[in-house]
Amino acid sequence: MSVNWYAYSSPDDAAAHCAQRVLRELETALDAKRPVSLAVSGGSTPKLMFGHLARTRFDWRQVHLFFVDERCVAPTDPDSNYRMCEECFIKPAHFPLSHVHRIQGELQPDVAARLYAEELRAFFELAPGELPAFDVIHRGMGPDAHTASLFPGEPLIEDREGICAAVWVTKLSKYRVTLLPGVLLHARHTVVLAAGADKADPLYQVFNAEHDPLHYPSQIDTPHGRNVAWYLDRAAAAKLD
């Protein structure tokens, strides 16, 4: 299976190159003379990428920022993806708050998912049945090969029509709100950033095992490979090649 991936000496180096790719795709999207959209994920490695993005001279006034998923907590909670992004990217980059579209994790999960879907439909001016097409989606991958908040065994991994949903993560005994696979597949460009030795085994399976996203959710787009690029550190890529 052909997968577009790049390995670098350290997590920070991988994050820097991932950030550069995000910026290139956003620059290209600006030529389309329409609102430009970026959706980002949470986690530890993205902090490095956010730092690189925040230190650029890019004009963020031209971009609208969305979230791939969110924990069902208040935006001030230490576990909030929004809070981490705010501290590492939104504030230092002086990102216009009117262009930040967060998932309201402090609400009931199904309400937060419904409101986020409504906001996406309005922003992208979607007709019934249409899916949003983000200019760039940034995703990560967990040690269990989950991506977004789509964990192994989640039935909604097979959903290609919904925009987002509240999902119960059994291993964490918590709800999360996440974009669904149809939206992830509909992005114009996707970057996946993964680092650490605990990603080596799942990455090997994602790239080489029989296609089974229910077992390896990060395989959602591996058969397509269109406009999807993986940025890895050497530890994560240790079992590839």
Protein backbone atom coordinates (compact mmCIF):
# COMPACT_ATOMS: atom_id res chain seq x y z
CA MET A 1 0.00 0.00 0.00
CA SER A 2 1.48 3.35 -1.04
CA VAL A 3 1.45 5.97 1.72
CA ASN A 4 2.99 9.42 1.52
CA TRP A 5 5.16 9.75 4.64
CA TYR A 6 8.26 11.62 5.78
CA ALA A 7 10.49 10.85 8.76
CA TYR A 8 12.64 13.37 10.66
CA SER A 9 15.25 13.21 13.40
CA SER A 10 13.08 14.53 16.24
CA PRO A 11 9.45 15.31 17.11
CA ASP A 12 10.18 19.03 16.81
CA ASP A 13 11.72 18.60 13.36
CA ALA A 14 8.69 16.60 12.22
CA ALA A 15 6.37 19.24 13.67
CA ALA A 16 8.30 22.03 11.92
CA HIS A 17 8.02 20.36 8.53
CA CYS A 18 4.35 19.59 9.14
CA ALA A 19 3.76 23.26 9.96
CA GLN A 20 5.53 24.29 6.76
CA ARG A 21 3.24 21.99 4.77
CA VAL A 22 0.17 23.47 6.45
CA LEU A 23 1.33 26.98 5.58
CA ARG A 24 2.02 26.05 1.94
CA GLU A 25 -1.46 24.62 1.52
CA LEU A 26 -3.08 27.60 3.20
CA GLU A 27 -1.13 29.99 0.98
CA THR A 28 -2.39 28.12 -2.07
CA ALA A 29 -5.95 28.19 -0.76
CA LEU A 30 -5.81 31.98 -0.43
CA ASP A 31 -5.67 32.22 -4.23
CA ALA A 32 -9.21 30.81 -4.43
CA LYS A 33 -10.60 34.11 -3.09
CA ARG A 34 -12.91 32.45 -0.54
CA PRO A 35 -12.79 31.85 3.21
CA VAL A 36 -9.85 29.57 4.06
CA SER A 37 -10.34 26.82 6.63
CA LEU A 38 -7.98 24.87 8.88
CA ALA A 39 -9.07 22.14 11.31
CA VAL A 40 -6.62 21.02 14.01
CA SER A 41 -6.40 18.21 16.52
CA GLY A 42 -5.25 18.07 20.13
CA GLY A 43 -2.55 16.02 21.79
CA SER A 44 1.04 16.52 22.92
CA THR A 45 2.89 16.56 19.60
CA PRO A 46 0.66 19.27 18.06
CA LYS A 47 1.93 21.70 20.71
CA LEU A 48 5.22 21.73 18.82
CA MET A 49 3.50 22.34 15.49
CA PHE A 50 1.37 25.12 16.98
CA GLY A 51 4.51 26.79 18.26
CA HIS A 52 6.02 26.81 14.78
CA LEU A 53 2.80 28.14 13.24
CA ALA A 54 2.55 30.88 15.85
CA ARG A 55 6.07 32.12 15.11
CA THR A 56 5.46 32.69 11.40
CA ARG A 57 4.48 35.97 9.75
CA PHE A 58 1.44 34.38 8.14
CA ASP A 59 -1.63 36.62 8.04
CA TRP A 60 -4.03 34.57 10.15
CA ARG A 61 -6.77 37.14 9.59
CA GLN A 62 -7.47 35.29 6.35
CA VAL A 63 -8.01 31.87 7.95
CA HIS A 64 -10.86 30.32 9.95
CA LEU A 65 -9.78 27.83 12.61
CA PHE A 66 -11.83 24.74 13.49
CA PHE A 67 -11.28 21.65 15.63
CA VAL A 68 -11.24 18.01 14.54
CA ASP A 69 -12.40 16.85 17.96
CA GLU A 70 -12.81 17.95 21.55
CA ARG A 71 -13.02 16.50 25.04
CA CYS A 72 -16.32 17.17 26.77
CA VAL A 73 -14.92 19.69 29.21
CA ALA A 74 -14.99 23.46 29.63
CA PRO A 75 -12.63 25.52 27.46
CA THR A 76 -10.64 26.42 30.58
CA ASP A 77 -10.12 22.79 31.59
CA PRO A 78 -6.53 21.45 31.32
CA ASP A 79 -7.83 18.58 29.15
CA SER A 80 -9.46 20.91 26.62
CA ASN A 81 -8.03 20.78 23.10
CA TYR A 82 -9.18 24.37 22.68
CA ARG A 83 -7.30 25.54 25.78
CA MET A 84 -4.05 23.98 24.58
CA CYS A 85 -4.49 25.49 21.12
CA GLU A 86 -5.35 28.86 22.62
CA GLU A 87 -2.22 28.88 24.77
CA CYS A 88 0.20 27.57 22.13
CA PHE A 89 -1.21 29.03 18.90
CA ILE A 90 -4.25 31.32 19.06
CA LYS A 91 -2.89 33.85 21.59
CA PRO A 92 0.78 33.96 20.52
CA ALA A 93 -0.20 34.17 16.83
CA HIS A 94 -2.78 36.88 17.59
CA PHE A 95 -5.30 34.74 15.74
CA PRO A 96 -8.57 36.71 15.34
CA LEU A 97 -11.03 35.25 17.84
CA SER A 98 -13.93 35.92 15.47
CA HIS A 99 -12.34 33.33 13.17
CA VAL A 100 -12.04 30.63 15.85
CA HIS A 101 -14.83 28.04 15.79
CA ARG A 102 -14.55 25.82 18.83
CA ILE A 103 -16.59 22.81 19.86
CA GLN A 104 -18.53 23.72 22.99
CA GLY A 105 -17.35 20.83 25.09
CA GLU A 106 -18.90 22.23 28.25
CA LEU A 107 -22.38 21.46 26.89
CA GLN A 108 -24.10 18.08 26.79
CA PRO A 109 -22.19 16.02 24.19
CA ASP A 110 -25.10 15.59 21.76
CA VAL A 111 -25.91 19.31 22.00
CA ALA A 112 -22.28 20.28 21.39
CA ALA A 113 -22.16 17.99 18.34
CA ARG A 114 -25.40 19.37 16.92
CA LEU A 115 -24.34 22.99 17.36
CA TYR A 116 -20.95 22.34 15.79
CA ALA A 117 -22.57 20.64 12.80
CA GLU A 118 -24.90 23.62 12.42
CA GLU A 119 -21.97 26.02 12.54
CA LEU A 120 -20.15 24.04 9.86
CA ARG A 121 -23.22 23.95 7.63
CA ALA A 122 -23.56 27.71 7.94
CA PHE A 123 -19.88 28.51 7.38
CA PHE A 124 -19.53 26.24 4.34
CA GLU A 125 -23.03 27.13 3.08
CA LEU A 126 -23.87 23.46 2.71
CA ALA A 127 -26.91 22.13 0.92
CA PRO A 128 -28.70 19.16 2.54
CA GLY A 129 -26.47 16.09 2.34
CA GLU A 130 -23.29 18.03 1.52
CA LEU A 131 -20.12 17.72 3.56
CA PRO A 132 -17.68 20.52 4.40
CA ALA A 133 -14.40 20.57 2.49
CA PHE A 134 -11.67 21.95 4.75
CA ASP A 135 -8.64 23.36 3.00
CA VAL A 136 -6.39 21.62 5.53
CA ILE A 137 -7.14 19.09 8.24
CA HIS A 138 -4.44 18.24 10.76
CA ARG A 139 -4.78 14.90 12.54
CA GLY A 140 -2.74 12.82 14.91
CA MET A 141 -2.63 9.13 15.77
CA GLY A 142 -2.78 7.47 19.18
CA PRO A 143 -0.87 4.36 20.28
CA ASP A 144 -4.04 2.35 19.57
CA ALA A 145 -4.16 3.78 16.02
CA HIS A 146 -7.13 6.04 16.80
CA THR A 147 -7.43 9.33 14.94
CA ALA A 148 -9.65 12.31 15.70
CA SER A 149 -11.81 10.80 18.49
CA LEU A 150 -12.53 7.68 16.46
CA PHE A 151 -11.26 4.81 18.57
CA PRO A 152 -11.04 1.11 17.58
CA GLY A 153 -14.47 -0.49 17.45
CA GLU A 154 -16.41 2.78 17.10
CA PRO A 155 -19.37 2.06 14.75
CA LEU A 156 -19.31 5.61 13.38
CA ILE A 157 -16.01 4.82 11.67
CA GLU A 158 -18.20 3.45 8.87
CA ASP A 159 -20.28 6.66 8.66
CA ARG A 160 -19.61 8.63 5.46
CA GLU A 161 -22.62 10.95 5.57
CA GLY A 162 -22.62 12.64 9.00
CA ILE A 163 -20.62 15.75 9.84
CA CYS A 164 -19.84 15.24 13.52
CA ALA A 165 -21.11 13.31 16.51
CA ALA A 166 -20.71 12.70 20.20
CA VAL A 167 -18.93 9.40 20.81
CA TRP A 168 -18.52 7.40 24.01
CA VAL A 169 -14.91 6.30 24.44
CA THR A 170 -15.17 3.12 26.47
CA LYS A 171 -11.47 2.90 27.38
CA LEU A 172 -11.65 6.41 28.85
CA SER A 173 -15.24 6.23 30.16
CA LYS A 174 -15.81 9.67 28.67
CA TYR A 175 -17.64 11.36 25.83
CA ARG A 176 -15.92 13.29 23.08
CA VAL A 177 -17.19 15.21 20.06
CA THR A 178 -15.52 14.46 16.74
CA LEU A 179 -15.70 15.08 13.02
CA LEU A 180 -16.78 11.94 11.19
CA PRO A 181 -14.92 10.03 8.45
CA GLY A 182 -16.85 11.54 5.55
CA VAL A 183 -15.59 14.99 6.54
CA LEU A 184 -12.04 13.76 7.12
CA LEU A 185 -12.01 12.18 3.67
CA HIS A 186 -13.47 15.29 2.06
CA ALA A 187 -10.60 17.59 3.06
CA ARG A 188 -8.61 19.16 0.25
CA HIS A 189 -5.38 18.39 2.11
CA THR A 190 -4.61 16.34 5.23
CA VAL A 191 -1.46 16.26 7.33
CA VAL A 192 -0.97 13.63 10.02
CA LEU A 193 1.67 14.30 12.68
CA ALA A 194 2.83 11.41 14.86
CA ALA A 195 5.89 11.00 17.08
CA GLY A 196 7.22 8.57 19.66
CA ALA A 197 8.25 4.94 19.91
CA ASP A 198 4.75 3.97 21.05
CA LYS A 199 3.54 4.81 17.52
CA ALA A 200 5.95 2.45 15.74
CA ASP A 201 3.85 -0.75 15.96
CA PRO A 202 0.49 0.88 15.15
CA LEU A 203 2.03 2.81 12.24
CA TYR A 204 3.39 -0.38 10.77
CA GLN A 205 -0.07 -1.94 10.98
CA VAL A 206 -1.82 1.14 9.60
CA PHE A 207 0.48 1.19 6.57
CA ASN A 208 0.80 -2.55 5.98
CA ALA A 209 -2.10 -4.53 7.48
CA GLU A 210 -5.24 -5.40 5.55
CA HIS A 211 -7.57 -2.41 5.35
CA ASP A 212 -9.70 -2.51 8.50
CA PRO A 213 -10.44 0.98 9.88
CA LEU A 214 -12.70 -0.46 12.58
CA HIS A 215 -9.56 -2.03 14.03
CA TYR A 216 -7.10 0.65 12.87
CA PRO A 217 -9.07 3.91 12.59
CA SER A 218 -6.06 5.76 11.17
CA GLN A 219 -6.46 3.62 8.06
CA ILE A 220 -9.53 5.67 7.13
CA ASP A 221 -7.78 7.34 4.23
CA THR A 222 -4.82 5.04 3.52
CA PRO A 223 -6.39 3.39 0.45
CA HIS A 224 -6.91 6.82 -1.08
CA GLY A 225 -3.60 8.52 -0.32
CA ARG A 226 -4.87 11.60 -2.16
CA ASN A 227 -3.49 14.78 -0.63
CA VAL A 228 -2.62 13.02 2.65
CA ALA A 229 0.90 13.36 4.06
CA TRP A 230 2.27 11.80 7.25
CA TYR A 231 5.00 13.61 9.23
CA LEU A 232 6.85 11.32 11.64
CA ASP A 233 9.88 11.31 13.87
CA ARG A 234 12.43 8.50 13.58
CA ALA A 235 11.07 6.69 16.63
CA ALA A 236 7.58 6.49 15.17
CA ALA A 237 8.91 5.45 11.75
CA ALA A 238 11.30 2.83 13.16
CA LYS A 239 9.43 -0.18 11.72
CA LEU A 240 8.66 1.32 8.33
CA ASP A 241 10.77 0.66 5.24
